[in-house]
Amino acid sequence: FDKVVEVFQWAITQKTRLSRGHYHEYIRACNSSRQWDRSLQAYETMKKAKVKPNTFTLNLLINACTQSQQLQKAFSLFEEMQSAGVEVTTVSCSAMMNACI
């Protein structure tokens, strides 16, 4: 995980134009390592870089919030998803239901 963080931070420092896929891989690595706060920080970095999130992005983040017991943030992301016109799928709904359990 440390190497993933190192490469991601280097790319950001170098002002490398990262794709949505790069952010997805980083967020997945953060989630797998239980570094949920880093997932959310990556999302903020992604938005600042004007990389548009999609359904997969927000589902990853909702899952991170669910796993870290941040119910309010999960609901906030779900609302953001809807207001931004990002497709809400059955996976999105399942993630939100899991957040409530």
Protein backbone atom coordinates (compact mmCIF):
# COMPACT_ATOMS: atom_id res chain seq x y z
CA PHE A 1 0.00 0.00 0.00
CA ASP A 2 2.82 2.42 0.83
CA LYS A 3 4.15 2.20 -2.73
CA VAL A 4 0.71 3.01 -4.15
CA VAL A 5 0.56 6.09 -1.94
CA GLU A 6 4.09 7.05 -2.92
CA VAL A 7 3.35 6.82 -6.66
CA PHE A 8 0.03 8.63 -6.32
CA GLN A 9 1.57 11.46 -4.28
CA TRP A 10 4.46 11.74 -6.74
CA ALA A 11 2.02 12.00 -9.66
CA ILE A 12 0.05 14.72 -7.87
CA THR A 13 3.24 16.62 -6.97
CA GLN A 14 4.42 16.41 -10.58
CA LYS A 15 1.02 17.72 -11.74
CA THR A 16 0.51 14.60 -13.81
CA ARG A 17 -2.96 14.54 -15.35
CA LEU A 18 -4.44 11.46 -13.72
CA SER A 19 -7.46 9.72 -15.21
CA ARG A 20 -10.56 8.61 -13.37
CA GLY A 21 -9.11 5.07 -13.55
CA HIS A 22 -6.00 6.16 -11.64
CA TYR A 23 -8.17 7.63 -8.90
CA HIS A 24 -10.26 4.45 -8.81
CA GLU A 25 -7.16 2.30 -8.31
CA TYR A 26 -5.90 4.56 -5.55
CA ILE A 27 -9.28 4.67 -3.79
CA ARG A 28 -9.54 0.88 -4.02
CA ALA A 29 -6.08 0.51 -2.49
CA CYS A 30 -7.04 2.90 0.31
CA ASN A 31 -10.25 1.00 0.98
CA SER A 32 -8.42 -2.34 1.01
CA SER A 33 -5.94 -0.95 3.52
CA ARG A 34 -8.69 0.56 5.67
CA GLN A 35 -7.38 4.06 4.92
CA TRP A 36 -10.85 5.46 4.30
CA ASP A 37 -9.86 9.03 5.08
CA ARG A 38 -7.36 8.85 2.22
CA SER A 39 -10.14 7.66 -0.10
CA LEU A 40 -12.12 10.78 0.69
CA GLN A 41 -9.04 12.99 0.32
CA ALA A 42 -8.40 11.46 -3.09
CA TYR A 43 -11.97 12.28 -4.07
CA GLU A 44 -11.43 15.93 -3.12
CA THR A 45 -8.18 15.96 -5.13
CA MET A 46 -10.05 14.39 -8.04
CA LYS A 47 -12.70 17.10 -7.99
CA LYS A 48 -10.08 19.86 -7.79
CA ALA A 49 -8.37 18.33 -10.83
CA LYS A 50 -11.75 18.49 -12.62
CA VAL A 51 -11.88 14.73 -13.11
CA LYS A 52 -15.57 13.89 -13.16
CA PRO A 53 -16.64 11.07 -10.84
CA ASN A 54 -18.92 8.35 -12.14
CA THR A 55 -21.12 5.70 -10.53
CA PHE A 56 -18.14 3.46 -9.77
CA THR A 57 -16.24 6.32 -8.10
CA LEU A 58 -19.09 7.19 -5.78
CA ASN A 59 -19.89 3.55 -5.02
CA LEU A 60 -16.27 3.06 -3.93
CA LEU A 61 -16.51 6.10 -1.67
CA ILE A 62 -19.88 5.12 -0.22
CA ASN A 63 -18.41 1.70 0.60
CA ALA A 64 -15.44 3.40 2.27
CA CYS A 65 -17.82 5.44 4.41
CA THR A 66 -19.88 2.37 5.24
CA GLN A 67 -16.79 0.45 6.34
CA SER A 68 -15.58 3.35 8.46
CA GLN A 69 -19.00 3.91 10.04
CA GLN A 70 -19.40 7.40 8.53
CA LEU A 71 -23.12 7.14 7.82
CA GLN A 72 -23.68 10.90 7.35
CA LYS A 73 -20.87 11.12 4.80
CA ALA A 74 -22.25 8.08 2.94
CA PHE A 75 -25.66 9.77 2.71
CA SER A 76 -24.01 13.02 1.64
CA LEU A 77 -22.20 11.23 -1.20
CA PHE A 78 -25.41 9.45 -2.21
CA GLU A 79 -27.21 12.80 -2.39
CA GLU A 80 -24.29 14.31 -4.31
CA MET A 81 -24.50 11.41 -6.72
CA GLN A 82 -28.16 12.11 -7.41
CA SER A 83 -27.83 15.88 -7.68
CA ALA A 84 -24.89 15.56 -10.08
CA GLY A 85 -26.91 13.28 -12.34
CA VAL A 86 -24.62 10.31 -11.77
CA GLU A 87 -26.48 7.05 -12.34
CA VAL A 88 -27.63 5.35 -9.14
CA THR A 89 -27.45 1.59 -9.63
CA THR A 90 -28.48 -1.43 -7.61
CA VAL A 91 -24.88 -1.51 -6.32
CA SER A 92 -25.30 2.07 -5.08
CA CYS A 93 -28.56 1.16 -3.32
CA SER A 94 -27.00 -1.94 -1.76
CA ALA A 95 -24.07 0.12 -0.48
CA MET A 96 -26.49 2.58 1.12
CA MET A 97 -28.55 -0.19 2.68
CA ASN A 98 -25.35 -1.70 4.11
CA ALA A 99 -24.52 1.69 5.58
CA CYS A 100 -27.76 1.53 7.55
CA ILE A 101 -27.16 -1.93 9.03
